PDB file of N, CA and C in Angstrom:
ATOM      1  N   MET A   1      -2.136  15.243  15.189  1.00  0.00           N
ATOM      2  CA  MET A   1      -1.720  16.106  14.107  1.00  0.00           C
ATOM      3  C   MET A   1      -1.430  15.243  12.879  1.00  0.00           C
ATOM      4  N   THR A   2      -1.816  15.735  11.715  1.00  0.00           N
ATOM      5  CA  THR A   2      -1.598  14.985  10.482  1.00  0.00           C
ATOM      6  C   THR A   2      -0.782  15.807   9.487  1.00  0.00           C
ATOM      7  N   PHE A   3      -0.043  15.080   8.643  1.00  0.00           N
ATOM      8  CA  PHE A   3       0.883  15.680   7.685  1.00  0.00           C
ATOM      9  C   PHE A   3       0.753  14.990   6.335  1.00  0.00           C
ATOM     10  N   TYR A   4       1.262  15.689   5.311  1.00  0.00           N
ATOM     11  CA  TYR A   4       1.314  15.098   3.973  1.00  0.00           C
ATOM     12  C   TYR A   4       2.713  15.276   3.412  1.00  0.00           C
ATOM     13  N   HIS A   5       3.099  14.348   2.554  1.00  0.00           N
ATOM     14  CA  HIS A   5       4.352  14.453   1.809  1.00  0.00           C
ATOM     15  C   HIS A   5       4.149  13.790   0.457  1.00  0.00           C
ATOM     16  N   ARG A   6       4.787  14.339  -0.543  1.00  0.00           N
ATOM     17  CA  ARG A   6       4.623  13.813  -1.904  1.00  0.00           C
ATOM     18  C   ARG A   6       5.069  12.358  -2.047  1.00  0.00           C
ATOM     19  N   LEU A   7       5.868  11.845  -1.134  1.00  0.00           N
ATOM     20  CA  LEU A   7       6.243  10.427  -1.183  1.00  0.00           C
ATOM     21  C   LEU A   7       5.041   9.509  -0.936  1.00  0.00           C
ATOM     22  N   LEU A   8       3.954  10.052  -0.441  1.00  0.00           N
ATOM     23  CA  LEU A   8       2.743   9.246  -0.246  1.00  0.00           C
ATOM     24  C   LEU A   8       1.999   8.977  -1.555  1.00  0.00           C
ATOM     25  N   LYS A   9       2.262   9.793  -2.576  1.00  0.00           N
ATOM     26  CA  LYS A   9       1.506   9.703  -3.828  1.00  0.00           C
ATOM     27  C   LYS A   9       1.537   8.302  -4.469  1.00  0.00           C
ATOM     28  N   PRO A  10       2.692   7.635  -4.609  1.00  0.00           N
ATOM     29  CA  PRO A  10       2.665   6.281  -5.193  1.00  0.00           C
ATOM     30  C   PRO A  10       1.839   5.299  -4.356  1.00  0.00           C
ATOM     31  N   LEU A  11       1.876   5.466  -3.044  1.00  0.00           N
ATOM     32  CA  LEU A  11       1.069   4.609  -2.171  1.00  0.00           C
ATOM     33  C   LEU A  11      -0.415   4.889  -2.377  1.00  0.00           C
ATOM     34  N   GLU A  12      -0.761   6.162  -2.503  1.00  0.00           N
ATOM     35  CA  GLU A  12      -2.154   6.538  -2.739  1.00  0.00           C
ATOM     36  C   GLU A  12      -2.664   5.957  -4.047  1.00  0.00           C
ATOM     37  N   LYS A  13      -1.846   6.026  -5.083  1.00  0.00           N
ATOM     38  CA  LYS A  13      -2.255   5.474  -6.384  1.00  0.00           C
ATOM     39  C   LYS A  13      -2.477   3.971  -6.284  1.00  0.00           C
ATOM     40  N   HIS A  14      -1.562   3.283  -5.613  1.00  0.00           N
ATOM     41  CA  HIS A  14      -1.670   1.835  -5.470  1.00  0.00           C
ATOM     42  C   HIS A  14      -2.889   1.439  -4.622  1.00  0.00           C
ATOM     43  N   LEU A  15      -3.090   2.141  -3.523  1.00  0.00           N
ATOM     44  CA  LEU A  15      -4.183   1.802  -2.603  1.00  0.00           C
ATOM     45  C   LEU A  15      -5.516   2.429  -3.006  1.00  0.00           C
ATOM     46  N   LYS A  16      -5.446   3.352  -3.970  1.00  0.00           N
ATOM     47  CA  LYS A  16      -6.642   4.048  -4.461  1.00  0.00           C
ATOM     48  C   LYS A  16      -7.390   4.773  -3.345  1.00  0.00           C
ATOM     49  N   ARG A  17      -6.602   5.501  -2.540  1.00  0.00           N
ATOM     50  CA  ARG A  17      -7.194   6.260  -1.437  1.00  0.00           C
ATOM     51  C   ARG A  17      -6.226   7.336  -0.978  1.00  0.00           C
ATOM     52  N   PRO A  18      -6.740   8.439  -0.457  1.00  0.00           N
ATOM     53  CA  PRO A  18      -5.850   9.467   0.085  1.00  0.00           C
ATOM     54  C   PRO A  18      -5.217   8.980   1.385  1.00  0.00           C
ATOM     55  N   LEU A  19      -4.020   9.470   1.669  1.00  0.00           N
ATOM     56  CA  LEU A  19      -3.290   9.084   2.877  1.00  0.00           C
ATOM     57  C   LEU A  19      -2.719  10.315   3.561  1.00  0.00           C
ATOM     58  N   LEU A  20      -2.525  10.186   4.850  1.00  0.00           N
ATOM     59  CA  LEU A  20      -1.803  11.199   5.627  1.00  0.00           C
ATOM     60  C   LEU A  20      -0.877  10.479   6.593  1.00  0.00           C
ATOM     61  N   ILE A  21       0.095  11.201   7.083  1.00  0.00           N
ATOM     62  CA  ILE A  21       0.958  10.712   8.155  1.00  0.00           C
ATOM     63  C   ILE A  21       0.407  11.321   9.430  1.00  0.00           C
ATOM     64  N   ALA A  22       0.075  10.477  10.388  1.00  0.00           N
ATOM     65  CA  ALA A  22      -0.456  10.969  11.658  1.00  0.00           C
ATOM     66  C   ALA A  22       0.591  10.804  12.756  1.00  0.00           C
ATOM     67  N   MET A  23       0.582  11.744  13.679  1.00  0.00           N
ATOM     68  CA  MET A  23       1.519  11.691  14.793  1.00  0.00           C
ATOM     69  C   MET A  23       0.726  11.550  16.083  1.00  0.00           C
ATOM     70  N   GLY A  24       1.025  10.495  16.814  1.00  0.00           N
ATOM     71  CA  GLY A  24       0.426  10.251  18.117  1.00  0.00           C
ATOM     72  C   GLY A  24       1.553   9.848  19.040  1.00  0.00           C
ATOM     73  N   VAL A  25       1.485   8.628  19.543  1.00  0.00           N
ATOM     74  CA  VAL A  25       2.586   8.077  20.340  1.00  0.00           C
ATOM     75  C   VAL A  25       3.800   7.837  19.450  1.00  0.00           C
ATOM     76  N   GLY A  26       3.550   7.641  18.181  1.00  0.00           N
ATOM     77  CA  GLY A  26       4.569   7.501  17.139  1.00  0.00           C
ATOM     78  C   GLY A  26       3.944   8.018  15.855  1.00  0.00           C
ATOM     79  N   PHE A  27       4.541   7.678  14.741  1.00  0.00           N
ATOM     80  CA  PHE A  27       4.000   8.080  13.441  1.00  0.00           C
ATOM     81  C   PHE A  27       3.334   6.866  12.803  1.00  0.00           C
ATOM     82  N   TYR A  28       2.150   7.071  12.249  1.00  0.00           N
ATOM     83  CA  TYR A  28       1.455   5.973  11.591  1.00  0.00           C
ATOM     84  C   TYR A  28       0.772   6.462  10.326  1.00  0.00           C
ATOM     85  N   LEU A  29       0.434   5.497   9.455  1.00  0.00           N
ATOM     86  CA  LEU A  29      -0.200   5.806   8.188  1.00  0.00           C
ATOM     87  C   LEU A  29      -1.702   5.929   8.408  1.00  0.00           C
ATOM     88  N   ASP A  30      -2.203   7.134   8.255  1.00  0.00           N
ATOM     89  CA  ASP A  30      -3.621   7.417   8.446  1.00  0.00           C
ATOM     90  C   ASP A  30      -4.319   7.201   7.109  1.00  0.00           C
ATOM     91  N   THR A  31      -5.223   6.237   7.075  1.00  0.00           N
ATOM     92  CA  THR A  31      -5.831   5.819   5.813  1.00  0.00           C
ATOM     93  C   THR A  31      -7.291   6.228   5.674  1.00  0.00           C
ATOM     94  N   HIS A  32      -7.841   6.856   6.687  1.00  0.00           N
ATOM     95  CA  HIS A  32      -9.256   7.255   6.622  1.00  0.00           C
ATOM     96  C   HIS A  32      -9.518   8.340   7.646  1.00  0.00           C
ATOM     97  N   TYR A  33     -10.477   9.213   7.339  1.00  0.00           N
ATOM     98  CA  TYR A  33     -10.773  10.330   8.233  1.00  0.00           C
ATOM     99  C   TYR A  33     -11.627   9.939   9.429  1.00  0.00           C
ATOM    100  N   THR A  34     -12.146   8.693   9.467  1.00  0.00           N
ATOM    101  CA  THR A  34     -12.872   8.235  10.649  1.00  0.00           C
ATOM    102  C   THR A  34     -12.132   7.053  11.267  1.00  0.00           C
ATOM    103  N   VAL A  35     -12.321   6.880  12.570  1.00  0.00           N
ATOM    104  CA  VAL A  35     -11.694   5.752  13.257  1.00  0.00           C
ATOM    105  C   VAL A  35     -12.248   4.439  12.708  1.00  0.00           C
ATOM    106  N   GLU A  36     -13.533   4.411  12.423  1.00  0.00           N
ATOM    107  CA  GLU A  36     -14.146   3.191  11.889  1.00  0.00           C
ATOM    108  C   GLU A  36     -13.538   2.813  10.540  1.00  0.00           C
ATOM    109  N   GLY A  37     -13.348   3.806   9.670  1.00  0.00           N
ATOM    110  CA  GLY A  37     -12.736   3.549   8.368  1.00  0.00           C
ATOM    111  C   GLY A  37     -11.298   3.083   8.502  1.00  0.00           C
ATOM    112  N   LEU A  38     -10.580   3.668   9.450  1.00  0.00           N
ATOM    113  CA  LEU A  38      -9.193   3.279   9.727  1.00  0.00           C
ATOM    114  C   LEU A  38      -9.141   1.828  10.204  1.00  0.00           C
ATOM    115  N   GLU A  39     -10.018   1.488  11.148  1.00  0.00           N
ATOM    116  CA  GLU A  39     -10.057   0.117  11.669  1.00  0.00           C
ATOM    117  C   GLU A  39     -10.402  -0.885  10.572  1.00  0.00           C
ATOM    118  N   GLU A  40     -11.351  -0.535   9.716  1.00  0.00           N
ATOM    119  CA  GLU A  40     -11.753  -1.429   8.631  1.00  0.00           C
ATOM    120  C   GLU A  40     -10.606  -1.660   7.649  1.00  0.00           C
ATOM    121  N   PHE A  41      -9.920  -0.579   7.253  1.00  0.00           N
ATOM    122  CA  PHE A  41      -8.803  -0.705   6.314  1.00  0.00           C
ATOM    123  C   PHE A  41      -7.715  -1.616   6.894  1.00  0.00           C
ATOM    124  N   TRP A  42      -7.252  -1.324   8.114  1.00  0.00           N
ATOM    125  CA  TRP A  42      -6.155  -2.101   8.684  1.00  0.00           C
ATOM    126  C   TRP A  42      -6.581  -3.524   9.023  1.00  0.00           C
ATOM    127  N   GLY A  43      -7.843  -3.720   9.364  1.00  0.00           N
ATOM    128  CA  GLY A  43      -8.347  -5.080   9.585  1.00  0.00           C
ATOM    129  C   GLY A  43      -8.221  -5.913   8.318  1.00  0.00           C
ATOM    130  N   GLN A  44      -8.576  -5.320   7.175  1.00  0.00           N
ATOM    131  CA  GLN A  44      -8.465  -6.019   5.893  1.00  0.00           C
ATOM    132  C   GLN A  44      -7.008  -6.297   5.521  1.00  0.00           C
ATOM    133  N   VAL A  45      -6.135  -5.313   5.777  1.00  0.00           N
ATOM    134  CA  VAL A  45      -4.704  -5.510   5.488  1.00  0.00           C
ATOM    135  C   VAL A  45      -4.174  -6.692   6.297  1.00  0.00           C
ATOM    136  N   LYS A  46      -4.523  -6.739   7.587  1.00  0.00           N
ATOM    137  CA  LYS A  46      -4.029  -7.823   8.442  1.00  0.00           C
ATOM    138  C   LYS A  46      -4.555  -9.180   7.987  1.00  0.00           C
ATOM    139  N   ILE A  47      -5.783  -9.226   7.490  1.00  0.00           N
ATOM    140  CA  ILE A  47      -6.352 -10.486   7.006  1.00  0.00           C
ATOM    141  C   ILE A  47      -5.679 -10.911   5.698  1.00  0.00           C
ATOM    142  N   GLN A  48      -5.528  -9.983   4.766  1.00  0.00           N
ATOM    143  CA  GLN A  48      -5.038 -10.316   3.430  1.00  0.00           C
ATOM    144  C   GLN A  48      -3.537 -10.538   3.360  1.00  0.00           C
ATOM    145  N   MET A  49      -2.784  -9.880   4.210  1.00  0.00           N
ATOM    146  CA  MET A  49      -1.325  -9.990   4.104  1.00  0.00           C
ATOM    147  C   MET A  49      -0.664 -10.141   5.472  1.00  0.00           C
ATOM    148  N   PHE A  50      -1.225 -10.988   6.319  1.00  0.00           N
ATOM    149  CA  PHE A  50      -0.785 -11.093   7.702  1.00  0.00           C
ATOM    150  C   PHE A  50       0.707 -11.384   7.843  1.00  0.00           C
ATOM    151  N   ASP A  51       1.204 -12.416   7.162  1.00  0.00           N
ATOM    152  CA  ASP A  51       2.618 -12.786   7.328  1.00  0.00           C
ATOM    153  C   ASP A  51       3.549 -11.661   6.888  1.00  0.00           C
ATOM    154  N   LYS A  52       3.283 -11.113   5.718  1.00  0.00           N
ATOM    155  CA  LYS A  52       4.120 -10.016   5.216  1.00  0.00           C
ATOM    156  C   LYS A  52       4.006  -8.798   6.129  1.00  0.00           C
ATOM    157  N   TYR A  53       2.792  -8.505   6.570  1.00  0.00           N
ATOM    158  CA  TYR A  53       2.543  -7.376   7.481  1.00  0.00           C
ATOM    159  C   TYR A  53       3.399  -7.506   8.743  1.00  0.00           C
ATOM    160  N   CYS A  54       3.379  -8.686   9.353  1.00  0.00           N
ATOM    161  CA  CYS A  54       4.153  -8.906  10.585  1.00  0.00           C
ATOM    162  C   CYS A  54       5.658  -8.826  10.318  1.00  0.00           C
ATOM    163  N   GLN A  55       6.102  -9.443   9.234  1.00  0.00           N
ATOM    164  CA  GLN A  55       7.530  -9.475   8.898  1.00  0.00           C
ATOM    165  C   GLN A  55       8.069  -8.059   8.627  1.00  0.00           C
ATOM    166  N   VAL A  56       7.372  -7.302   7.807  1.00  0.00           N
ATOM    167  CA  VAL A  56       7.841  -5.960   7.439  1.00  0.00           C
ATOM    168  C   VAL A  56       7.745  -5.012   8.630  1.00  0.00           C
ATOM    169  N   THR A  57       6.710  -5.161   9.443  1.00  0.00           N
ATOM    170  CA  THR A  57       6.565  -4.317  10.638  1.00  0.00           C
ATOM    171  C   THR A  57       7.720  -4.573  11.602  1.00  0.00           C
ATOM    172  N   GLN A  58       8.080  -5.827  11.781  1.00  0.00           N
ATOM    173  CA  GLN A  58       9.199  -6.162  12.664  1.00  0.00           C
ATOM    174  C   GLN A  58      10.514  -5.634  12.087  1.00  0.00           C
ATOM    175  N   LYS A  59      10.700  -5.778  10.789  1.00  0.00           N
ATOM    176  CA  LYS A  59      11.932  -5.304  10.140  1.00  0.00           C
ATOM    177  C   LYS A  59      12.146  -3.813  10.381  1.00  0.00           C
ATOM    178  N   TRP A  60      11.064  -3.023  10.257  1.00  0.00           N
ATOM    179  CA  TRP A  60      11.178  -1.562  10.397  1.00  0.00           C
ATOM    180  C   TRP A  60      10.918  -1.089  11.825  1.00  0.00           C
ATOM    181  N   ARG A  61      10.912  -2.041  12.760  1.00  0.00           N
ATOM    182  CA  ARG A  61      10.788  -1.746  14.189  1.00  0.00           C
ATOM    183  C   ARG A  61       9.506  -0.972  14.529  1.00  0.00           C
ATOM    184  N   GLY A  62       8.420  -1.381  13.914  1.00  0.00           N
ATOM    185  CA  GLY A  62       7.128  -0.775  14.229  1.00  0.00           C
ATOM    186  C   GLY A  62       6.649  -1.244  15.591  1.00  0.00           C
ATOM    187  N   LYS A  63       6.015  -0.380  16.305  1.00  0.00           N
ATOM    188  CA  LYS A  63       5.462  -0.734  17.614  1.00  0.00           C
ATOM    189  C   LYS A  63       3.993  -1.098  17.421  1.00  0.00           C
ATOM    190  N   GLY A  64       3.622  -2.273  17.899  1.00  0.00           N
ATOM    191  CA  GLY A  64       2.242  -2.716  17.748  1.00  0.00           C
ATOM    192  C   GLY A  64       2.135  -3.571  16.501  1.00  0.00           C
ATOM    193  N   PRO A  65       0.986  -3.799  16.011  1.00  0.00           N
ATOM    194  CA  PRO A  65      -0.227  -3.381  16.692  1.00  0.00           C
ATOM    195  C   PRO A  65      -0.580  -4.320  17.828  1.00  0.00           C
ATOM    196  N   GLY A  66      -0.830  -3.761  18.958  1.00  0.00           N
ATOM    197  CA  GLY A  66      -1.356  -4.496  20.092  1.00  0.00           C
ATOM    198  C   GLY A  66      -2.801  -4.074  20.169  1.00  0.00           C
ATOM    199  N   LEU A  67      -3.052  -3.124  21.005  1.00  0.00           N
ATOM    200  CA  LEU A  67      -4.389  -2.556  21.070  1.00  0.00           C
ATOM    201  C   LEU A  67      -4.557  -1.484  19.996  1.00  0.00           C
ATOM    202  N   GLU A  68      -3.453  -1.085  19.379  1.00  0.00           N
ATOM    203  CA  GLU A  68      -3.503  -0.071  18.338  1.00  0.00           C
ATOM    204  C   GLU A  68      -4.120  -0.644  17.068  1.00  0.00           C
ATOM    205  N   ILE A  69      -4.597   0.241  16.231  1.00  0.00           N
ATOM    206  CA  ILE A  69      -5.196  -0.169  14.967  1.00  0.00           C
ATOM    207  C   ILE A  69      -4.104  -0.571  13.979  1.00  0.00           C
ATOM    208  N   CYS A  70      -3.007   0.178  13.965  1.00  0.00           N
ATOM    209  CA  CYS A  70      -1.906  -0.090  13.048  1.00  0.00           C
ATOM    210  C   CYS A  70      -0.596   0.240  13.753  1.00  0.00           C
ATOM    211  N   PRO A  71       0.527  -0.242  13.227  1.00  0.00           N
ATOM    212  CA  PRO A  71       1.797  -0.005  13.897  1.00  0.00           C
ATOM    213  C   PRO A  71       2.226   1.464  13.842  1.00  0.00           C
ATOM    214  N   ALA A  72       2.971   1.870  14.854  1.00  0.00           N
ATOM    215  CA  ALA A  72       3.530   3.222  14.920  1.00  0.00           C
ATOM    216  C   ALA A  72       5.046   3.120  14.774  1.00  0.00           C
ATOM    217  N   PHE A  73       5.644   4.166  14.200  1.00  0.00           N
ATOM    218  CA  PHE A  73       7.079   4.188  13.930  1.00  0.00           C
ATOM    219  C   PHE A  73       7.707   5.409  14.572  1.00  0.00           C
ATOM    220  N   ARG A  74       9.018   5.359  14.777  1.00  0.00           N
ATOM    221  CA  ARG A  74       9.709   6.426  15.503  1.00  0.00           C
ATOM    222  C   ARG A  74       9.765   7.744  14.739  1.00  0.00           C
ATOM    223  N   ASP A  75       9.662   7.653  13.393  1.00  0.00           N
ATOM    224  CA  ASP A  75       9.748   8.874  12.583  1.00  0.00           C
ATOM    225  C   ASP A  75       9.090   8.635  11.228  1.00  0.00           C
ATOM    226  N   PRO A  76       8.819   9.702  10.484  1.00  0.00           N
ATOM    227  CA  PRO A  76       8.199   9.535   9.164  1.00  0.00           C
ATOM    228  C   PRO A  76       9.053   8.722   8.190  1.00  0.00           C
ATOM    229  N   THR A  77      10.364   8.775   8.343  1.00  0.00           N
ATOM    230  CA  THR A  77      11.259   8.033   7.450  1.00  0.00           C
ATOM    231  C   THR A  77      10.987   6.538   7.509  1.00  0.00           C
ATOM    232  N   THR A  78      11.001   5.973   8.717  1.00  0.00           N
ATOM    233  CA  THR A  78      10.780   4.524   8.835  1.00  0.00           C
ATOM    234  C   THR A  78       9.345   4.160   8.459  1.00  0.00           C
ATOM    235  N   LEU A  79       8.396   5.037   8.746  1.00  0.00           N
ATOM    236  CA  LEU A  79       7.007   4.800   8.349  1.00  0.00           C
ATOM    237  C   LEU A  79       6.899   4.676   6.830  1.00  0.00           C
ATOM    238  N   ILE A  80       7.504   5.595   6.107  1.00  0.00           N
ATOM    239  CA  ILE A  80       7.439   5.573   4.642  1.00  0.00           C
ATOM    240  C   ILE A  80       8.161   4.346   4.083  1.00  0.00           C
ATOM    241  N   CYS A  81       9.330   4.028   4.620  1.00  0.00           N
ATOM    242  CA  CYS A  81      10.056   2.831   4.165  1.00  0.00           C
ATOM    243  C   CYS A  81       9.213   1.576   4.388  1.00  0.00           C
ATOM    244  N   TRP A  82       8.596   1.479   5.551  1.00  0.00           N
ATOM    245  CA  TRP A  82       7.727   0.337   5.876  1.00  0.00           C
ATOM    246  C   TRP A  82       6.558   0.246   4.893  1.00  0.00           C
ATOM    247  N   ALA A  83       5.874   1.357   4.657  1.00  0.00           N
ATOM    248  CA  ALA A  83       4.693   1.360   3.785  1.00  0.00           C
ATOM    249  C   ALA A  83       5.058   0.978   2.348  1.00  0.00           C
ATOM    250  N   TYR A  84       6.174   1.491   1.844  1.00  0.00           N
ATOM    251  CA  TYR A  84       6.590   1.145   0.475  1.00  0.00           C
ATOM    252  C   TYR A  84       6.888  -0.351   0.370  1.00  0.00           C
ATOM    253  N   GLU A  85       7.554  -0.892   1.375  1.00  0.00           N
ATOM    254  CA  GLU A  85       7.882  -2.318   1.310  1.00  0.00           C
ATOM    255  C   GLU A  85       6.619  -3.168   1.458  1.00  0.00           C
ATOM    256  N   LEU A  86       5.739  -2.787   2.361  1.00  0.00           N
ATOM    257  CA  LEU A  86       4.522  -3.565   2.589  1.00  0.00           C
ATOM    258  C   LEU A  86       3.586  -3.539   1.382  1.00  0.00           C
ATOM    259  N   PHE A  87       3.303  -2.356   0.880  1.00  0.00           N
ATOM    260  CA  PHE A  87       2.283  -2.227  -0.158  1.00  0.00           C
ATOM    261  C   PHE A  87       2.815  -2.266  -1.590  1.00  0.00           C
ATOM    262  N   LEU A  88       4.039  -1.800  -1.799  1.00  0.00           N
ATOM    263  CA  LEU A  88       4.575  -1.741  -3.163  1.00  0.00           C
ATOM    264  C   LEU A  88       5.680  -2.763  -3.412  1.00  0.00           C
ATOM    265  N   GLY A  89       6.137  -3.437  -2.358  1.00  0.00           N
ATOM    266  CA  GLY A  89       7.216  -4.404  -2.515  1.00  0.00           C
ATOM    267  C   GLY A  89       8.553  -3.753  -2.824  1.00  0.00           C
ATOM    268  N   ALA A  90       8.686  -2.464  -2.509  1.00  0.00           N
ATOM    269  CA  ALA A  90       9.910  -1.711  -2.809  1.00  0.00           C
ATOM    270  C   ALA A  90      10.689  -1.447  -1.523  1.00  0.00           C
ATOM    271  N   GLU A  91      11.938  -1.858  -1.503  1.00  0.00           N
ATOM    272  CA  GLU A  91      12.796  -1.592  -0.349  1.00  0.00           C
ATOM    273  C   GLU A  91      13.544  -0.286  -0.588  1.00  0.00           C
ATOM    274  N   LEU A  92      13.129   0.748   0.143  1.00  0.00           N
ATOM    275  CA  LEU A  92      13.767   2.055  -0.005  1.00  0.00           C
ATOM    276  C   LEU A  92      14.986   2.170   0.886  1.00  0.00           C
ATOM    277  N   ASN A  93      15.934   2.990   0.468  1.00  0.00           N
ATOM    278  CA  ASN A  93      17.105   3.291   1.271  1.00  0.00           C
ATOM    279  C   ASN A  93      16.690   4.316   2.326  1.00  0.00           C
ATOM    280  N   GLU A  94      16.818   3.955   3.582  1.00  0.00           N
ATOM    281  CA  GLU A  94      16.377   4.813   4.686  1.00  0.00           C
ATOM    282  C   GLU A  94      17.079   6.175   4.669  1.00  0.00           C
ATOM    283  N   SER A  95      18.356   6.196   4.332  1.00  0.00           N
ATOM    284  CA  SER A  95      19.104   7.466   4.284  1.00  0.00           C
ATOM    285  C   SER A  95      18.573   8.381   3.189  1.00  0.00           C
ATOM    286  N   CYS A  96      18.201   7.798   2.054  1.00  0.00           N
ATOM    287  CA  CYS A  96      17.659   8.606   0.949  1.00  0.00           C
ATOM    288  C   CYS A  96      16.295   9.187   1.303  1.00  0.00           C
ATOM    289  N   VAL A  97      15.468   8.394   1.957  1.00  0.00           N
ATOM    290  CA  VAL A  97      14.153   8.890   2.373  1.00  0.00           C
ATOM    291  C   VAL A  97      14.325   9.990   3.411  1.00  0.00           C
ATOM    292  N   SER A  98      15.241   9.798   4.327  1.00  0.00           N
ATOM    293  CA  SER A  98      15.515  10.813   5.345  1.00  0.00           C
ATOM    294  C   SER A  98      15.973  12.122   4.711  1.00  0.00           C
ATOM    295  N   LEU A  99      16.852  12.014   3.727  1.00  0.00           N
ATOM    296  CA  LEU A  99      17.323  13.205   3.009  1.00  0.00           C
ATOM    297  C   LEU A  99      16.160  13.887   2.280  1.00  0.00           C
ATOM    298  N   ALA A 100      15.332  13.110   1.611  1.00  0.00           N
ATOM    299  CA  ALA A 100      14.180  13.675   0.891  1.00  0.00           C
ATOM    300  C   ALA A 100      13.259  14.435   1.848  1.00  0.00           C
ATOM    301  N   LEU A 101      13.079  13.908   3.059  1.00  0.00           N
ATOM    302  CA  LEU A 101      12.214  14.564   4.039  1.00  0.00           C
ATOM    303  C   LEU A 101      12.859  15.819   4.636  1.00  0.00           C
ATOM    304  N   ARG A 102      14.184  15.849   4.666  1.00  0.00           N
ATOM    305  CA  ARG A 102      14.870  17.075   5.140  1.00  0.00           C
ATOM    306  C   ARG A 102      14.815  18.163   4.079  1.00  0.00           C
ATOM    307  N   VAL A 103      14.992  17.782   2.821  1.00  0.00           N
ATOM    308  CA  VAL A 103      14.985  18.740   1.716  1.00  0.00           C
ATOM    309  C   VAL A 103      13.565  19.259   1.470  1.00  0.00           C
ATOM    310  N   ASP A 104      12.605  18.364   1.545  1.00  0.00           N
ATOM    311  CA  ASP A 104      11.197  18.693   1.299  1.00  0.00           C
ATOM    312  C   ASP A 104      10.389  18.145   2.478  1.00  0.00           C
ATOM    313  N   PRO A 105      10.286  18.915   3.572  1.00  0.00           N
ATOM    314  CA  PRO A 105       9.651  18.406   4.798  1.00  0.00           C
ATOM    315  C   PRO A 105       8.150  18.109   4.634  1.00  0.00           C
ATOM    316  N   VAL A 106       7.656  17.283   5.538  1.00  0.00           N
ATOM    317  CA  VAL A 106       6.218  17.022   5.570  1.00  0.00           C
ATOM    318  C   VAL A 106       5.510  18.336   5.886  1.00  0.00           C
ATOM    319  N   ILE A 107       4.286  18.474   5.384  1.00  0.00           N
ATOM    320  CA  ILE A 107       3.531  19.697   5.645  1.00  0.00           C
ATOM    321  C   ILE A 107       2.269  19.337   6.433  1.00  0.00           C
ATOM    322  N   PRO A 108       1.917  20.158   7.418  1.00  0.00           N
ATOM    323  CA  PRO A 108       0.678  19.903   8.162  1.00  0.00           C
ATOM    324  C   PRO A 108      -0.508  19.954   7.205  1.00  0.00           C
ATOM    325  N   MET A 109      -1.412  18.999   7.343  1.00  0.00           N
ATOM    326  CA  MET A 109      -2.586  18.971   6.476  1.00  0.00           C
ATOM    327  C   MET A 109      -3.715  18.246   7.207  1.00  0.00           C
ATOM    328  N   THR A 110      -4.903  18.783   7.113  1.00  0.00           N
ATOM    329  CA  THR A 110      -6.081  18.146   7.705  1.00  0.00           C
ATOM    330  C   THR A 110      -6.696  17.194   6.687  1.00  0.00           C
ATOM    331  N   TRP A 111      -7.594  16.340   7.155  1.00  0.00           N
ATOM    332  CA  TRP A 111      -8.292  15.453   6.237  1.00  0.00           C
ATOM    333  C   TRP A 111      -9.137  16.254   5.266  1.00  0.00           C
ATOM    334  N   ARG A 112      -9.750  17.336   5.722  1.00  0.00           N
ATOM    335  CA  ARG A 112     -10.564  18.169   4.838  1.00  0.00           C
ATOM    336  C   ARG A 112      -9.716  18.701   3.681  1.00  0.00           C
ATOM    337  N   GLN A 113      -8.509  19.199   4.011  1.00  0.00           N
ATOM    338  CA  GLN A 113      -7.608  19.714   2.968  1.00  0.00           C
ATOM    339  C   GLN A 113      -7.175  18.597   2.027  1.00  0.00           C
ATOM    340  N   ARG A 114      -6.838  17.426   2.577  1.00  0.00           N
ATOM    341  CA  ARG A 114      -6.370  16.318   1.735  1.00  0.00           C
ATOM    342  C   ARG A 114      -7.470  15.829   0.809  1.00  0.00           C
ATOM    343  N   MET A 115      -8.684  15.744   1.334  1.00  0.00           N
ATOM    344  CA  MET A 115      -9.801  15.276   0.512  1.00  0.00           C
ATOM    345  C   MET A 115     -10.058  16.230  -0.653  1.00  0.00           C
ATOM    346  N   LYS A 116      -9.962  17.529  -0.422  1.00  0.00           N
ATOM    347  CA  LYS A 116     -10.138  18.506  -1.508  1.00  0.00           C
ATOM    348  C   LYS A 116      -9.087  18.281  -2.591  1.00  0.00           C
ATOM    349  N   ARG A 117      -7.829  18.168  -2.157  1.00  0.00           N
ATOM    350  CA  ARG A 117      -6.751  17.952  -3.121  1.00  0.00           C
ATOM    351  C   ARG A 117      -6.898  16.602  -3.832  1.00  0.00           C
ATOM    352  N   TRP A 118      -7.285  15.574  -3.082  1.00  0.00           N
ATOM    353  CA  TRP A 118      -7.442  14.228  -3.641  1.00  0.00           C
ATOM    354  C   TRP A 118      -8.477  14.240  -4.764  1.00  0.00           C
ATOM    355  N   HIS A 119      -9.610  14.872  -4.523  1.00  0.00           N
ATOM    356  CA  HIS A 119     -10.654  14.909  -5.548  1.00  0.00           C
ATOM    357  C   HIS A 119     -10.182  15.647  -6.794  1.00  0.00           C
ATOM    358  N   LYS A 120      -9.384  16.709  -6.626  1.00  0.00           N
ATOM    359  CA  LYS A 120      -8.831  17.429  -7.788  1.00  0.00           C
ATOM    360  C   LYS A 120      -7.854  16.548  -8.549  1.00  0.00           C
ATOM    361  N   GLU A 121      -6.981  15.838  -7.811  1.00  0.00           N
ATOM    362  CA  GLU A 121      -5.974  14.976  -8.440  1.00  0.00           C
ATOM    363  C   GLU A 121      -6.619  13.818  -9.188  1.00  0.00           C
ATOM    364  N   VAL A 122      -7.651  13.238  -8.626  1.00  0.00           N
ATOM    365  CA  VAL A 122      -8.329  12.108  -9.262  1.00  0.00           C
ATOM    366  C   VAL A 122      -9.046  12.562 -10.529  1.00  0.00           C
ATOM    367  N   ALA A 123      -9.569  13.789 -10.507  1.00  0.00           N
ATOM    368  CA  ALA A 123     -10.287  14.335 -11.665  1.00  0.00           C
ATOM    369  C   ALA A 123      -9.358  14.652 -12.831  1.00  0.00           C
ATOM    370  N   GLU A 124      -8.079  14.867 -12.549  1.00  0.00           N
ATOM    371  CA  GLU A 124      -7.121  15.247 -13.619  1.00  0.00           C
ATOM    372  C   GLU A 124      -6.737  14.090 -14.488  1.00  0.00           C
TER     373      GLU A 124
END
């Protein structure tokens, strides 16, 4: 199952790609609608920022990556905090992110829906 939240928007702008929050064994940042695209993206991240990737993943208690493509987190809050620190260099307050997600919850969204919205947003 995949979800969207407006807190992903700054990450999308920085990474120049649509994002979703995916739920499996934990929560992870879904960066592509195909497994191959997901593997390629995270492979590049691990090559380009390995030390920071490992350090920030450990800090936010991410599980993996072992056989997984990318680390999984216990909830969307820690996932978002991890992603902001890894990609934007911003350390978010976990309590504030948790509150933001309670006030404005994540919404279920498919890749098809996200891609439609992404193309509209990029065109604006």
